[in-house]
């Protein structure tokens, strides 16, 4: 369709899928920011991981025992020098 080459761009969109450096989502309370809870960074697997992430987030938010170990998803893993074992 050579005629399309003559058309101008009227808009653009990008479906950014944020991914963490270690490939694991971030689910938990953010240290040093009172009241901030994050559940994100799933990248392209967000649809697949959504159900489990939502369950884990809900359990953490209401203080229930989580169905799985939440430590691999803890936001503090990105805080330099923070010792996860101290919690």
N, C-alpha and C. Protein backbone atom coordinates (compact mmCIF):
# COMPACT_ATOMS: atom_id res chain seq x y z
N UNK A 1 0.82 -1.16 0.00
CA UNK A 1 0.00 0.00 0.00
C UNK A 1 0.87 1.24 0.00
N UNK A 2 1.46 1.56 -1.11
CA UNK A 2 2.35 2.73 -1.20
C UNK A 2 1.69 4.03 -0.78
N UNK A 3 0.39 4.16 -0.94
CA UNK A 3 -0.29 5.41 -0.59
C UNK A 3 -0.19 5.71 0.90
N UNK A 4 -0.03 4.70 1.73
CA UNK A 4 0.10 4.93 3.17
C UNK A 4 1.36 5.72 3.50
N UNK A 5 2.37 5.63 2.67
CA UNK A 5 3.60 6.36 2.89
C UNK A 5 3.42 7.86 2.82
N UNK A 6 2.35 8.32 2.19
CA UNK A 6 2.09 9.74 2.06
C UNK A 6 1.27 10.30 3.23
N UNK A 7 0.75 9.43 4.06
CA UNK A 7 -0.08 9.88 5.18
C UNK A 7 0.79 10.32 6.35
N UNK A 8 0.31 11.28 7.09
CA UNK A 8 1.02 11.74 8.27
C UNK A 8 0.58 10.94 9.51
N UNK A 9 1.39 10.96 10.52
CA UNK A 9 1.06 10.30 11.77
C UNK A 9 0.15 11.22 12.57
N UNK A 10 -1.00 10.71 12.98
CA UNK A 10 -1.93 11.53 13.76
C UNK A 10 -1.83 11.25 15.25
N UNK A 11 -1.16 10.20 15.63
CA UNK A 11 -1.02 9.88 17.05
C UNK A 11 -0.16 8.64 17.23
N UNK A 12 0.24 8.43 18.44
CA UNK A 12 1.04 7.24 18.74
C UNK A 12 0.67 6.75 20.13
N UNK A 13 0.90 5.48 20.38
CA UNK A 13 0.59 4.88 21.67
C UNK A 13 1.64 3.82 21.96
N UNK A 14 1.97 3.70 23.20
CA UNK A 14 2.92 2.67 23.61
C UNK A 14 2.38 1.97 24.84
N UNK A 15 2.28 0.67 24.78
CA UNK A 15 1.81 -0.12 25.91
C UNK A 15 3.00 -0.59 26.74
N UNK A 16 3.53 0.31 27.54
CA UNK A 16 4.71 0.00 28.34
C UNK A 16 4.34 -1.03 29.40
N UNK A 17 5.16 -2.02 29.55
CA UNK A 17 4.96 -3.06 30.55
C UNK A 17 6.17 -3.05 31.47
N UNK A 18 6.10 -2.28 32.55
CA UNK A 18 7.25 -2.14 33.43
C UNK A 18 7.67 -3.47 34.05
N UNK A 19 8.95 -3.71 34.00
CA UNK A 19 9.53 -4.93 34.56
C UNK A 19 10.65 -4.54 35.50
N UNK A 20 10.78 -5.26 36.58
CA UNK A 20 11.85 -4.99 37.54
C UNK A 20 13.17 -5.55 37.05
N UNK A 21 14.28 -5.06 37.59
CA UNK A 21 15.59 -5.57 37.15
C UNK A 21 15.79 -7.06 37.40
N UNK A 22 15.14 -7.59 38.45
CA UNK A 22 15.32 -9.02 38.75
C UNK A 22 14.22 -9.89 38.16
N UNK A 23 13.25 -9.28 37.48
CA UNK A 23 12.21 -10.04 36.83
C UNK A 23 11.04 -10.44 37.71
N UNK A 24 11.11 -10.15 39.00
CA UNK A 24 10.01 -10.47 39.92
C UNK A 24 9.16 -9.22 40.13
N UNK A 25 7.86 -9.39 40.28
CA UNK A 25 7.03 -8.22 40.57
C UNK A 25 7.34 -7.63 41.95
N UNK A 26 6.88 -6.43 42.16
CA UNK A 26 7.00 -5.76 43.46
C UNK A 26 5.63 -5.84 44.11
N UNK A 27 5.56 -6.48 45.28
CA UNK A 27 4.30 -6.58 46.01
C UNK A 27 4.62 -6.38 47.48
N UNK A 28 4.18 -5.26 48.03
CA UNK A 28 4.40 -5.02 49.44
C UNK A 28 4.47 -3.54 49.78
N UNK A 29 4.67 -3.30 51.07
CA UNK A 29 4.78 -1.94 51.59
C UNK A 29 6.14 -1.35 51.25
N UNK A 30 6.16 -0.11 50.83
CA UNK A 30 7.39 0.58 50.48
C UNK A 30 7.98 1.20 51.75
N UNK A 31 9.23 0.85 52.07
CA UNK A 31 9.83 1.42 53.28
C UNK A 31 10.02 2.93 53.13
N UNK A 32 9.90 3.62 54.23
CA UNK A 32 10.13 5.07 54.32
C UNK A 32 9.06 5.92 53.63
N UNK A 33 8.00 5.30 53.11
CA UNK A 33 6.90 6.06 52.53
C UNK A 33 5.63 5.54 53.20
N UNK A 34 5.23 6.22 54.25
CA UNK A 34 4.11 5.77 55.06
C UNK A 34 2.84 5.57 54.24
N UNK A 35 2.29 4.36 54.33
CA UNK A 35 1.03 4.06 53.68
C UNK A 35 1.10 3.69 52.21
N UNK A 36 2.30 3.58 51.65
CA UNK A 36 2.43 3.24 50.22
C UNK A 36 2.60 1.74 50.04
N UNK A 37 1.65 1.14 49.38
CA UNK A 37 1.69 -0.28 49.04
C UNK A 37 1.74 -0.39 47.53
N UNK A 38 2.62 -1.25 47.01
CA UNK A 38 2.79 -1.39 45.57
C UNK A 38 2.54 -2.83 45.16
N UNK A 39 1.85 -2.99 44.04
CA UNK A 39 1.71 -4.28 43.39
C UNK A 39 1.88 -4.01 41.90
N UNK A 40 3.07 -4.19 41.40
CA UNK A 40 3.36 -3.88 40.00
C UNK A 40 4.67 -4.46 39.54
N UNK A 41 5.09 -4.04 38.36
CA UNK A 41 6.37 -4.51 37.82
C UNK A 41 6.31 -5.92 37.27
N UNK A 42 5.14 -6.35 36.83
CA UNK A 42 4.95 -7.72 36.34
C UNK A 42 5.42 -7.92 34.91
N UNK A 43 5.69 -6.83 34.22
CA UNK A 43 6.11 -6.95 32.83
C UNK A 43 5.03 -7.57 31.98
N UNK A 44 5.42 -8.37 31.02
CA UNK A 44 4.47 -9.02 30.12
C UNK A 44 3.67 -10.13 30.75
N UNK A 45 4.02 -10.52 31.98
CA UNK A 45 3.32 -11.62 32.65
C UNK A 45 2.21 -11.14 33.57
N UNK A 46 1.86 -9.87 33.50
CA UNK A 46 0.86 -9.31 34.40
C UNK A 46 -0.48 -10.01 34.36
N UNK A 47 -0.94 -10.38 33.18
CA UNK A 47 -2.23 -11.06 33.06
C UNK A 47 -2.16 -12.44 33.70
N UNK A 48 -1.08 -13.13 33.48
CA UNK A 48 -0.92 -14.48 34.03
C UNK A 48 -0.73 -14.45 35.55
N UNK A 49 0.03 -13.47 36.04
CA UNK A 49 0.33 -13.40 37.47
C UNK A 49 -0.71 -12.60 38.26
N UNK A 50 -1.64 -11.97 37.58
CA UNK A 50 -2.59 -11.07 38.23
C UNK A 50 -3.38 -11.69 39.36
N UNK A 51 -3.90 -12.88 39.17
CA UNK A 51 -4.71 -13.52 40.21
C UNK A 51 -3.94 -13.79 41.48
N UNK A 52 -2.76 -14.38 41.33
CA UNK A 52 -1.93 -14.68 42.50
C UNK A 52 -1.40 -13.42 43.16
N UNK A 53 -1.04 -12.44 42.34
CA UNK A 53 -0.55 -11.17 42.89
C UNK A 53 -1.64 -10.45 43.66
N UNK A 54 -2.85 -10.46 43.12
CA UNK A 54 -3.97 -9.82 43.80
C UNK A 54 -4.27 -10.51 45.12
N UNK A 55 -4.23 -11.82 45.12
CA UNK A 55 -4.47 -12.58 46.36
C UNK A 55 -3.42 -12.25 47.40
N UNK A 56 -2.15 -12.27 47.00
CA UNK A 56 -1.07 -11.97 47.92
C UNK A 56 -1.18 -10.54 48.44
N UNK A 57 -1.44 -9.59 47.54
CA UNK A 57 -1.57 -8.20 47.95
C UNK A 57 -2.71 -8.03 48.95
N UNK A 58 -3.85 -8.64 48.67
CA UNK A 58 -5.00 -8.53 49.57
C UNK A 58 -4.66 -9.11 50.95
N UNK A 59 -4.00 -10.24 50.98
CA UNK A 59 -3.64 -10.86 52.26
C UNK A 59 -2.67 -9.98 53.04
N UNK A 60 -1.70 -9.39 52.36
CA UNK A 60 -0.76 -8.51 53.04
C UNK A 60 -1.44 -7.24 53.54
N UNK A 61 -2.35 -6.72 52.75
CA UNK A 61 -3.03 -5.48 53.11
C UNK A 61 -3.93 -5.64 54.34
N UNK A 62 -4.57 -6.80 54.48
CA UNK A 62 -5.49 -6.99 55.61
C UNK A 62 -4.85 -7.74 56.77
N UNK A 63 -3.56 -8.07 56.63
CA UNK A 63 -2.85 -8.72 57.72
C UNK A 63 -3.06 -10.21 57.85
N UNK A 64 -3.56 -10.86 56.81
CA UNK A 64 -3.72 -12.32 56.82
C UNK A 64 -2.38 -12.99 56.54
N UNK A 65 -2.29 -14.24 56.91
CA UNK A 65 -1.11 -15.03 56.57
C UNK A 65 -1.11 -15.26 55.07
N UNK A 66 -0.05 -14.86 54.37
CA UNK A 66 -0.03 -15.01 52.92
C UNK A 66 0.05 -16.48 52.50
N UNK A 67 -0.55 -16.78 51.36
CA UNK A 67 -0.57 -18.15 50.85
C UNK A 67 0.80 -18.60 50.34
N UNK A 68 1.70 -17.64 50.13
CA UNK A 68 3.06 -17.95 49.68
C UNK A 68 4.02 -16.96 50.33
N UNK A 69 5.28 -17.29 50.31
CA UNK A 69 6.30 -16.43 50.89
C UNK A 69 6.39 -15.13 50.10
N UNK A 70 6.09 -13.99 50.71
CA UNK A 70 6.12 -12.73 49.97
C UNK A 70 7.51 -12.10 49.83
N UNK A 71 8.51 -12.64 50.51
CA UNK A 71 9.83 -11.98 50.53
C UNK A 71 10.47 -11.80 49.15
N UNK A 72 10.30 -12.71 48.19
CA UNK A 72 10.91 -12.45 46.87
C UNK A 72 10.33 -11.23 46.16
N UNK A 73 9.17 -10.75 46.61
CA UNK A 73 8.48 -9.65 45.94
C UNK A 73 8.56 -8.35 46.73
N UNK A 74 9.19 -8.38 47.88
CA UNK A 74 9.26 -7.24 48.79
C UNK A 74 10.01 -6.07 48.15
N UNK A 75 9.42 -4.88 48.17
CA UNK A 75 10.08 -3.71 47.58
C UNK A 75 11.43 -3.39 48.21
N UNK A 76 11.67 -3.79 49.45
CA UNK A 76 12.93 -3.44 50.11
C UNK A 76 14.13 -4.10 49.44
N UNK A 77 13.90 -5.07 48.59
CA UNK A 77 15.05 -5.72 47.93
C UNK A 77 15.82 -4.75 47.03
N UNK A 78 15.22 -3.61 46.71
CA UNK A 78 15.90 -2.62 45.88
C UNK A 78 16.54 -1.51 46.69
N UNK A 79 16.44 -1.60 48.01
CA UNK A 79 17.05 -0.61 48.88
C UNK A 79 18.44 -1.10 49.24
N UNK A 80 19.46 -0.41 48.78
CA UNK A 80 20.85 -0.80 49.00
C UNK A 80 21.15 -0.89 50.49
N UNK A 81 21.68 -2.03 50.89
CA UNK A 81 22.10 -2.22 52.25
C UNK A 81 21.00 -2.64 53.20
N UNK A 82 19.78 -2.79 52.72
CA UNK A 82 18.68 -3.20 53.59
C UNK A 82 18.75 -4.70 53.79
N UNK A 83 18.67 -5.12 55.05
CA UNK A 83 18.76 -6.54 55.38
C UNK A 83 17.35 -7.12 55.51
N UNK A 84 16.95 -7.95 54.56
CA UNK A 84 15.63 -8.57 54.57
C UNK A 84 15.42 -9.45 55.80
N UNK A 85 16.47 -10.00 56.34
CA UNK A 85 16.33 -10.89 57.48
C UNK A 85 16.05 -10.15 58.78
N UNK A 86 16.15 -8.82 58.77
CA UNK A 86 15.94 -8.05 60.00
C UNK A 86 14.47 -7.81 60.28
N UNK A 87 13.58 -8.12 59.35
CA UNK A 87 12.15 -7.87 59.56
C UNK A 87 11.50 -9.00 60.34
